[in-house]
């Protein structure tokens, strides 16, 4: 898509998780994709018109790229036909995906991305930023890390993994990351380091799998999905437990995650 023009846009239904914006096809056809970026789990395509095409895969969505223009399948809801002859098709069986067009200058105020916290692998996300976002919060650490206003893009799995790596209880109050003056405590530095390590390891693992140097069935997680199994931390005698927090499964070791 990058550098190519929308030659045609086929919209095969009126909505996904939400309705398509007014004039969706008309506002895209003839425009060139000038850049492709990401914010949390949103894909952002900047257009020559100044607008931004926002896309989210939802739970089951994905893009298929073809050098031809195949006949759309049952769950092919949007087909972008580019000036290069490539067809980029959005397929989403459960229709939890989202597409929107954001007018020039309105991206930072958009409801989807305007209130997001810092990217977890960026320099903006450090112990000071995490402590500042959690200061005074009475909620648990697990719930705070799932709050996209605190840090963008962290999901249930990697929050559990990061808390285990940092040796912190998921039930610990989030406000304990900051001192009375807001200065980050040592646990905040440890947690930020763990979050970055967990995500970088996941990216590296995905890269190895894409190059077929690591089988898909190999062990992925230290705690997630391992209820009743031995904790993998060295010299820990604990057994992984599962509890429900805010409707989500939390996996943790009650022995080495007591802090």
Protein backbone atom coordinates (compact mmCIF):
# COMPACT_ATOMS: atom_id res chain seq x y z
CA UNK A 1 0.00 0.00 0.00
CA UNK A 2 2.84 2.40 0.79
CA UNK A 3 3.33 4.86 -2.06
CA UNK A 4 0.42 3.40 -4.02
CA UNK A 5 -2.92 4.99 -4.89
CA UNK A 6 -6.35 3.56 -4.17
CA UNK A 7 -7.62 2.70 -7.65
CA UNK A 8 -10.87 1.31 -6.25
CA UNK A 9 -12.34 0.31 -2.90
CA UNK A 10 -14.95 -2.45 -2.63
CA UNK A 11 -17.00 -2.22 0.59
CA UNK A 12 -19.18 -5.32 0.86
CA UNK A 13 -21.20 -4.48 3.97
CA UNK A 14 -22.26 -1.30 5.85
CA UNK A 15 -20.28 -2.00 9.01
CA UNK A 16 -17.76 -4.06 10.94
CA UNK A 17 -17.76 -3.51 14.70
CA UNK A 18 -19.05 -0.06 13.88
CA UNK A 19 -20.40 1.54 10.69
CA UNK A 20 -17.96 2.70 8.05
CA UNK A 21 -17.59 6.50 8.04
CA UNK A 22 -19.67 8.54 5.58
CA UNK A 23 -18.21 8.60 2.07
CA UNK A 24 -15.63 5.92 2.93
CA UNK A 25 -15.03 4.76 -0.65
CA UNK A 26 -15.21 8.26 -2.15
CA UNK A 27 -12.70 9.66 0.34
CA UNK A 28 -10.19 6.88 -0.41
CA UNK A 29 -10.30 6.45 -4.19
CA UNK A 30 -7.59 8.52 -5.86
CA UNK A 31 -5.61 9.08 -2.64
CA UNK A 32 -2.03 7.91 -2.16
CA UNK A 33 -0.74 6.19 0.99
CA UNK A 34 2.11 8.43 2.12
CA UNK A 35 3.07 6.54 5.30
CA UNK A 36 2.13 3.48 7.34
CA UNK A 37 2.51 3.53 11.10
CA UNK A 38 1.07 1.86 14.20
CA UNK A 39 -0.33 3.13 17.49
CA UNK A 40 -0.97 0.36 20.05
CA UNK A 41 -2.94 -2.21 18.01
CA UNK A 42 -4.22 0.31 15.46
CA UNK A 43 -2.75 0.51 11.94
CA UNK A 44 -2.55 4.06 10.58
CA UNK A 45 -2.24 4.87 6.87
CA UNK A 46 -1.68 8.56 6.19
CA UNK A 47 -3.20 9.72 2.91
CA UNK A 48 -2.28 12.44 0.43
CA UNK A 49 -5.59 14.15 1.30
CA UNK A 50 -4.33 14.73 4.85
CA UNK A 51 -6.77 12.21 6.29
CA UNK A 52 -5.69 9.05 8.12
CA UNK A 53 -7.14 5.59 7.50
CA UNK A 54 -7.37 3.85 10.89
CA UNK A 55 -7.65 0.04 10.94
CA UNK A 56 -7.91 -2.54 13.72
CA UNK A 57 -7.91 -6.30 13.13
CA UNK A 58 -10.22 -7.12 16.03
CA UNK A 59 -10.15 -10.73 17.22
CA UNK A 60 -10.23 -12.54 13.89
CA UNK A 61 -9.32 -10.03 11.19
CA UNK A 62 -6.42 -10.13 8.76
CA UNK A 63 -5.20 -8.80 5.43
CA UNK A 64 -4.60 -10.91 2.33
CA UNK A 65 -2.38 -9.48 -0.40
CA UNK A 66 -2.69 -10.74 -3.98
CA UNK A 67 -1.16 -9.71 -7.29
CA UNK A 68 -4.50 -10.35 -8.94
CA UNK A 69 -8.11 -9.39 -8.15
CA UNK A 70 -9.62 -12.63 -6.80
CA UNK A 71 -13.36 -13.00 -6.29
CA UNK A 72 -14.09 -11.96 -2.67
CA UNK A 73 -14.98 -14.72 -0.23
CA UNK A 74 -17.76 -14.80 2.32
CA UNK A 75 -15.80 -12.98 5.04
CA UNK A 76 -13.91 -10.59 2.73
CA UNK A 77 -15.53 -7.31 3.78
CA UNK A 78 -13.24 -4.66 2.25
CA UNK A 79 -11.04 -4.91 -0.84
CA UNK A 80 -8.48 -2.19 -1.55
CA UNK A 81 -7.44 -2.30 -5.22
CA UNK A 82 -4.19 -0.37 -5.52
CA UNK A 83 -2.71 1.41 -8.51
CA UNK A 84 0.13 -1.14 -8.56
CA UNK A 85 -2.34 -3.92 -9.43
CA UNK A 86 -2.20 -5.40 -5.93
CA UNK A 87 -5.42 -6.22 -4.08
CA UNK A 88 -5.37 -5.87 -0.28
CA UNK A 89 -8.38 -7.67 1.20
CA UNK A 90 -9.62 -7.39 4.79
CA UNK A 91 -11.07 -10.69 5.97
CA UNK A 92 -12.86 -10.82 9.35
CA UNK A 93 -15.21 -13.74 10.19
CA UNK A 94 -16.34 -12.29 13.53
CA UNK A 95 -16.47 -8.67 12.33
CA UNK A 96 -14.77 -7.24 15.42
CA UNK A 97 -12.45 -5.18 13.24
CA UNK A 98 -12.68 -1.42 12.80
CA UNK A 99 -12.01 1.00 9.95
CA UNK A 100 -12.36 4.75 10.21
CA UNK A 101 -11.22 7.86 8.37
CA UNK A 102 -9.83 10.63 10.55
CA UNK A 103 -9.78 14.12 9.14
CA UNK A 104 -6.56 16.12 9.01
CA UNK A 105 -5.45 17.45 12.39
CA UNK A 106 -7.91 15.32 14.40
CA UNK A 107 -5.82 12.18 15.04
CA UNK A 108 -4.63 13.14 18.54
CA UNK A 109 -8.20 13.77 19.64
CA UNK A 110 -9.72 10.65 18.11
CA UNK A 111 -11.57 8.40 20.57
CA UNK A 112 -9.53 5.33 19.62
CA UNK A 113 -5.99 6.67 19.90
CA UNK A 114 -6.25 10.10 21.51
CA UNK A 115 -6.13 8.88 25.11
CA UNK A 116 -3.57 6.11 24.73
CA UNK A 117 -0.57 5.94 27.00
CA UNK A 118 3.04 5.61 25.82
CA UNK A 119 4.21 2.74 23.65
CA UNK A 120 5.80 0.11 25.93
CA UNK A 121 8.98 -0.22 23.84
CA UNK A 122 9.47 3.52 23.41
CA UNK A 123 11.82 5.77 25.38
CA UNK A 124 8.75 7.60 26.69
CA UNK A 125 7.80 4.54 28.73
CA UNK A 126 10.07 4.39 31.75
CA UNK A 127 9.74 3.95 35.50
CA UNK A 128 8.90 7.62 36.01
CA UNK A 129 6.09 7.51 33.42
CA UNK A 130 4.65 4.31 34.89
CA UNK A 131 4.80 5.60 38.46
CA UNK A 132 3.19 8.88 37.41
CA UNK A 133 0.33 7.07 35.65
CA UNK A 134 -0.26 4.76 38.65
CA UNK A 135 0.10 7.32 41.41
CA UNK A 136 -2.97 7.30 43.63
CA UNK A 137 -4.61 4.37 41.82
CA UNK A 138 -6.45 2.01 44.16
CA UNK A 139 -6.79 -0.65 41.48
CA UNK A 140 -4.49 -3.66 41.19
CA UNK A 141 -1.26 -3.74 39.21
CA UNK A 142 -2.83 -6.20 36.79
CA UNK A 143 -5.79 -3.92 36.09
CA UNK A 144 -3.59 -0.83 35.80
CA UNK A 145 -1.33 -2.42 33.18
CA UNK A 146 -4.36 -3.44 31.13
CA UNK A 147 -5.55 0.18 31.15
CA UNK A 148 -4.52 1.52 27.73
CA UNK A 149 -4.24 5.02 29.21
CA UNK A 150 -1.36 3.81 31.40
CA UNK A 151 0.56 1.97 28.67
CA UNK A 152 -0.62 1.24 25.15
CA UNK A 153 -0.96 -2.19 23.62
CA UNK A 154 -0.34 -4.49 26.57
CA UNK A 155 -2.76 -7.42 26.66
CA UNK A 156 -3.78 -9.95 29.27
CA UNK A 157 -1.12 -12.53 28.40
CA UNK A 158 1.93 -10.29 28.50
CA UNK A 159 0.80 -8.45 31.63
CA UNK A 160 0.74 -11.80 33.48
CA UNK A 161 4.12 -12.70 32.00
CA UNK A 162 5.73 -9.36 32.90
CA UNK A 163 4.46 -9.43 36.48
CA UNK A 164 5.90 -12.91 36.94
CA UNK A 165 9.23 -11.90 35.45
CA UNK A 166 9.34 -8.90 37.80
CA UNK A 167 8.34 -11.05 40.79
CA UNK A 168 5.34 -8.84 41.60
CA UNK A 169 1.89 -9.87 42.73
CA UNK A 170 -0.87 -9.06 40.22
CA UNK A 171 -3.05 -8.13 43.20
CA UNK A 172 -0.64 -5.50 44.53
CA UNK A 173 -2.08 -1.97 44.56
CA UNK A 174 -0.85 0.03 41.55
CA UNK A 175 -0.19 3.15 43.64
CA UNK A 176 2.68 1.39 45.42
CA UNK A 177 4.87 1.94 42.35
CA UNK A 178 5.28 5.59 43.34
CA UNK A 179 6.47 7.23 46.54
CA UNK A 180 4.61 10.04 48.25
CA UNK A 181 6.26 12.64 46.04
CA UNK A 182 5.59 10.61 42.89
CA UNK A 183 9.18 9.42 42.56
CA UNK A 184 9.24 5.85 41.18
CA UNK A 185 10.12 3.15 43.65
CA UNK A 186 12.58 0.35 42.74
CA UNK A 187 9.68 -1.99 41.86
CA UNK A 188 8.63 0.42 39.08
CA UNK A 189 12.06 0.14 37.45
CA UNK A 190 11.91 -3.64 37.76
CA UNK A 191 8.44 -3.83 36.22
CA UNK A 192 9.27 -1.59 33.27
CA UNK A 193 12.36 -3.69 32.54
CA UNK A 194 10.27 -6.87 32.71
CA UNK A 195 7.62 -5.48 30.33
CA UNK A 196 10.22 -4.55 27.74
CA UNK A 197 11.98 -7.92 28.09
CA UNK A 198 8.74 -9.88 27.68
CA UNK A 199 7.69 -7.97 24.57
CA UNK A 200 11.13 -8.10 22.94
CA UNK A 201 11.28 -11.84 23.60
CA UNK A 202 7.85 -12.27 21.97
CA UNK A 203 8.95 -10.31 18.90
CA UNK A 204 12.13 -12.36 18.65
CA UNK A 205 10.15 -15.59 19.02
CA UNK A 206 7.73 -14.54 16.28
CA UNK A 207 10.67 -13.74 14.01
CA UNK A 208 12.19 -17.18 14.58
CA UNK A 209 8.86 -18.85 13.89
CA UNK A 210 8.40 -16.91 10.66
CA UNK A 211 11.80 -18.14 9.52
CA UNK A 212 10.89 -21.67 10.69
CA UNK A 213 13.82 -21.89 13.11
CA UNK A 214 11.45 -22.49 16.05
CA UNK A 215 8.39 -24.77 15.96
CA UNK A 216 5.05 -23.18 16.77
CA UNK A 217 4.33 -25.70 19.51
CA UNK A 218 7.42 -24.80 21.54
CA UNK A 219 6.96 -23.34 25.01
CA UNK A 220 5.89 -19.69 24.89
CA UNK A 221 4.96 -18.64 28.42
CA UNK A 222 6.26 -18.80 31.97
CA UNK A 223 2.86 -18.59 33.69
CA UNK A 224 0.03 -17.97 31.21
CA UNK A 225 -2.01 -21.11 30.59
CA UNK A 226 0.16 -23.14 33.00
CA UNK A 227 -2.26 -23.54 35.93
CA UNK A 228 -1.24 -26.41 38.20
CA UNK A 229 2.27 -26.67 36.74
CA UNK A 230 5.58 -25.99 38.44
CA UNK A 231 6.87 -22.43 38.46
CA UNK A 232 9.78 -22.03 36.04
CA UNK A 233 11.68 -19.51 38.14
CA UNK A 234 14.98 -20.98 39.36
CA UNK A 235 14.83 -22.31 42.93
CA UNK A 236 11.11 -21.57 43.24
CA UNK A 237 8.95 -24.35 44.67
CA UNK A 238 5.65 -22.75 43.70
CA UNK A 239 2.81 -24.01 41.51
CA UNK A 240 1.08 -21.71 39.03
CA UNK A 241 -2.38 -20.57 40.11
CA UNK A 242 -5.21 -18.95 38.18
CA UNK A 243 -7.64 -16.34 39.46
CA UNK A 244 -10.18 -14.11 37.74
CA UNK A 245 -9.64 -10.35 37.85
CA UNK A 246 -12.18 -8.06 36.19
CA UNK A 247 -13.41 -10.97 34.09
CA UNK A 248 -9.91 -11.91 32.86
CA UNK A 249 -7.78 -14.90 33.82
CA UNK A 250 -4.69 -14.06 35.85
CA UNK A 251 -1.91 -16.64 36.06
CA UNK A 252 0.71 -16.21 38.77
CA UNK A 253 2.98 -17.98 41.24
CA UNK A 254 1.92 -17.39 44.86
CA UNK A 255 5.43 -18.22 46.11
CA UNK A 256 7.70 -15.92 44.10
CA UNK A 257 5.11 -13.21 43.37
CA UNK A 258 4.31 -12.21 46.94
CA UNK A 259 5.66 -8.64 46.78
